[in-house]
Amino acid sequence: MARRLGPVIKALRQQRGWTQRELARRVHVTDEYVGMLETGKRKNPSLALLKRLAKALGVPVAELLE
């Protein structure tokens, strides 16, 4: 069963000891946007953003979408 994107991003971010603000800075979005992704208030980010998130978190894009 596929996991939701938000909890995956949050778990990976927390494993790295980063705040939402730190991840947002690394992927060039606002910390509010990261928060909305993590809580599911924003769904279906662009492929470009998924690639930036994956690169910043050091994982393949597919891992974000598992």
N, C-alpha and C. Protein backbone atom coordinates (compact mmCIF):
# COMPACT_ATOMS: atom_id res chain seq x y z
N MET A 1 0.86 -1.19 0.00
CA MET A 1 0.00 0.00 0.00
C MET A 1 0.89 1.24 0.00
N ALA A 2 0.52 2.20 -0.78
CA ALA A 2 1.31 3.44 -0.89
C ALA A 2 1.18 4.28 0.38
N ARG A 3 2.29 4.82 0.81
CA ARG A 3 2.27 5.75 1.94
C ARG A 3 1.94 7.13 1.42
N ARG A 4 1.47 7.96 2.31
CA ARG A 4 1.19 9.34 1.90
C ARG A 4 2.48 10.13 1.86
N LEU A 5 2.54 11.06 0.93
CA LEU A 5 3.74 11.86 0.71
C LEU A 5 4.14 12.65 1.95
N GLY A 6 3.18 13.30 2.59
CA GLY A 6 3.48 14.15 3.73
C GLY A 6 4.25 13.47 4.84
N PRO A 7 3.75 12.33 5.34
CA PRO A 7 4.48 11.65 6.40
C PRO A 7 5.87 11.18 5.98
N VAL A 8 6.03 10.84 4.71
CA VAL A 8 7.35 10.41 4.22
C VAL A 8 8.32 11.59 4.28
N ILE A 9 7.89 12.74 3.78
CA ILE A 9 8.74 13.94 3.81
C ILE A 9 9.09 14.30 5.25
N LYS A 10 8.09 14.28 6.11
CA LYS A 10 8.31 14.64 7.52
C LYS A 10 9.31 13.69 8.18
N ALA A 11 9.14 12.39 7.96
CA ALA A 11 10.04 11.42 8.58
C ALA A 11 11.47 11.59 8.09
N LEU A 12 11.64 11.77 6.79
CA LEU A 12 12.99 11.96 6.24
C LEU A 12 13.61 13.25 6.76
N ARG A 13 12.81 14.29 6.83
CA ARG A 13 13.30 15.59 7.34
C ARG A 13 13.74 15.44 8.79
N GLN A 14 12.92 14.78 9.60
CA GLN A 14 13.25 14.63 11.01
C GLN A 14 14.47 13.73 11.22
N GLN A 15 14.63 12.72 10.37
CA GLN A 15 15.81 11.86 10.47
C GLN A 15 17.09 12.66 10.30
N ARG A 16 17.01 13.73 9.53
CA ARG A 16 18.18 14.57 9.29
C ARG A 16 18.32 15.68 10.32
N GLY A 17 17.35 15.78 11.22
CA GLY A 17 17.41 16.80 12.26
C GLY A 17 17.10 18.20 11.75
N TRP A 18 16.37 18.28 10.63
CA TRP A 18 16.07 19.57 10.02
C TRP A 18 14.70 20.06 10.46
N THR A 19 14.57 21.36 10.54
CA THR A 19 13.27 21.99 10.72
C THR A 19 12.59 22.10 9.36
N GLN A 20 11.31 22.43 9.39
CA GLN A 20 10.61 22.69 8.13
C GLN A 20 11.29 23.85 7.40
N ARG A 21 11.73 24.83 8.14
CA ARG A 21 12.38 25.99 7.54
C ARG A 21 13.67 25.59 6.83
N GLU A 22 14.44 24.69 7.43
CA GLU A 22 15.69 24.25 6.81
C GLU A 22 15.41 23.50 5.51
N LEU A 23 14.44 22.59 5.52
CA LEU A 23 14.10 21.88 4.28
C LEU A 23 13.59 22.87 3.23
N ALA A 24 12.75 23.79 3.65
CA ALA A 24 12.21 24.79 2.72
C ALA A 24 13.33 25.60 2.07
N ARG A 25 14.31 25.99 2.86
CA ARG A 25 15.44 26.75 2.33
C ARG A 25 16.19 25.94 1.28
N ARG A 26 16.36 24.66 1.54
CA ARG A 26 17.11 23.80 0.63
C ARG A 26 16.38 23.54 -0.69
N VAL A 27 15.04 23.59 -0.68
CA VAL A 27 14.28 23.31 -1.90
C VAL A 27 13.63 24.56 -2.49
N HIS A 28 13.92 25.71 -1.89
CA HIS A 28 13.46 27.00 -2.42
C HIS A 28 11.94 27.16 -2.43
N VAL A 29 11.33 26.80 -1.28
CA VAL A 29 9.91 27.07 -1.07
C VAL A 29 9.78 27.67 0.33
N THR A 30 8.58 28.06 0.71
CA THR A 30 8.39 28.61 2.05
C THR A 30 8.25 27.47 3.07
N ASP A 31 8.56 27.78 4.32
CA ASP A 31 8.37 26.76 5.36
C ASP A 31 6.88 26.45 5.52
N GLU A 32 6.02 27.42 5.23
CA GLU A 32 4.58 27.16 5.28
C GLU A 32 4.19 26.11 4.24
N TYR A 33 4.81 26.18 3.07
CA TYR A 33 4.50 25.21 2.02
C TYR A 33 4.95 23.81 2.45
N VAL A 34 6.13 23.70 3.05
CA VAL A 34 6.59 22.40 3.55
C VAL A 34 5.60 21.87 4.58
N GLY A 35 5.14 22.74 5.47
CA GLY A 35 4.16 22.32 6.47
C GLY A 35 2.88 21.81 5.84
N MET A 36 2.42 22.50 4.79
CA MET A 36 1.20 22.06 4.11
C MET A 36 1.40 20.72 3.40
N LEU A 37 2.59 20.50 2.84
CA LEU A 37 2.88 19.20 2.23
C LEU A 37 2.85 18.10 3.29
N GLU A 38 3.48 18.37 4.43
CA GLU A 38 3.58 17.35 5.48
C GLU A 38 2.23 17.01 6.08
N THR A 39 1.33 17.98 6.16
CA THR A 39 0.02 17.72 6.75
C THR A 39 -1.02 17.28 5.73
N GLY A 40 -0.65 17.29 4.46
CA GLY A 40 -1.58 16.87 3.43
C GLY A 40 -2.51 17.97 2.93
N LYS A 41 -2.29 19.20 3.39
CA LYS A 41 -3.13 20.31 2.91
C LYS A 41 -2.77 20.69 1.48
N ARG A 42 -1.54 20.38 1.08
CA ARG A 42 -1.12 20.55 -0.32
C ARG A 42 -0.80 19.16 -0.84
N LYS A 43 -1.40 18.82 -1.94
CA LYS A 43 -1.16 17.52 -2.53
C LYS A 43 -0.63 17.71 -3.94
N ASN A 44 -0.04 16.66 -4.47
CA ASN A 44 0.43 16.64 -5.85
C ASN A 44 1.38 17.79 -6.21
N PRO A 45 2.52 17.89 -5.52
CA PRO A 45 3.50 18.90 -5.91
C PRO A 45 4.04 18.57 -7.31
N SER A 46 4.59 19.56 -7.95
CA SER A 46 5.12 19.37 -9.31
C SER A 46 6.28 18.38 -9.28
N LEU A 47 6.55 17.80 -10.45
CA LEU A 47 7.68 16.89 -10.57
C LEU A 47 8.99 17.61 -10.25
N ALA A 48 9.09 18.86 -10.66
CA ALA A 48 10.30 19.64 -10.36
C ALA A 48 10.52 19.76 -8.85
N LEU A 49 9.44 20.01 -8.11
CA LEU A 49 9.57 20.12 -6.65
C LEU A 49 9.88 18.75 -6.04
N LEU A 50 9.25 17.70 -6.53
CA LEU A 50 9.57 16.36 -6.02
C LEU A 50 11.05 16.04 -6.22
N LYS A 51 11.59 16.43 -7.37
CA LYS A 51 13.01 16.20 -7.63
C LYS A 51 13.88 16.98 -6.67
N ARG A 52 13.52 18.24 -6.40
CA ARG A 52 14.30 19.05 -5.45
C ARG A 52 14.21 18.47 -4.04
N LEU A 53 13.02 18.03 -3.63
CA LEU A 53 12.86 17.42 -2.32
C LEU A 53 13.72 16.16 -2.21
N ALA A 54 13.64 15.32 -3.23
CA ALA A 54 14.41 14.07 -3.20
C ALA A 54 15.91 14.35 -3.14
N LYS A 55 16.36 15.31 -3.92
CA LYS A 55 17.79 15.65 -3.92
C LYS A 55 18.22 16.17 -2.55
N ALA A 56 17.43 17.07 -1.98
CA ALA A 56 17.78 17.63 -0.68
C ALA A 56 17.79 16.56 0.40
N LEU A 57 16.86 15.62 0.32
CA LEU A 57 16.74 14.58 1.34
C LEU A 57 17.64 13.38 1.06
N GLY A 58 18.27 13.37 -0.12
CA GLY A 58 19.21 12.31 -0.44
C GLY A 58 18.57 10.98 -0.74
N VAL A 59 17.39 11.02 -1.34
CA VAL A 59 16.68 9.79 -1.68
C VAL A 59 16.18 9.87 -3.11
N PRO A 60 15.88 8.72 -3.74
CA PRO A 60 15.27 8.77 -5.06
C PRO A 60 13.83 9.30 -4.98
N VAL A 61 13.37 9.91 -6.05
CA VAL A 61 11.99 10.41 -6.08
C VAL A 61 11.01 9.30 -5.73
N ALA A 62 11.27 8.10 -6.21
CA ALA A 62 10.37 6.97 -5.95
C ALA A 62 10.17 6.72 -4.46
N GLU A 63 11.20 6.98 -3.66
CA GLU A 63 11.06 6.76 -2.21
C GLU A 63 10.06 7.72 -1.59
N LEU A 64 9.96 8.91 -2.14
CA LEU A 64 8.97 9.87 -1.64
C LEU A 64 7.55 9.40 -1.94
N LEU A 65 7.40 8.62 -3.00
CA LEU A 65 6.08 8.23 -3.48
C LEU A 65 5.69 6.81 -3.10
N GLU A 66 6.52 6.11 -2.33
CA GLU A 66 6.21 4.73 -1.93
C GLU A 66 4.90 4.63 -1.21
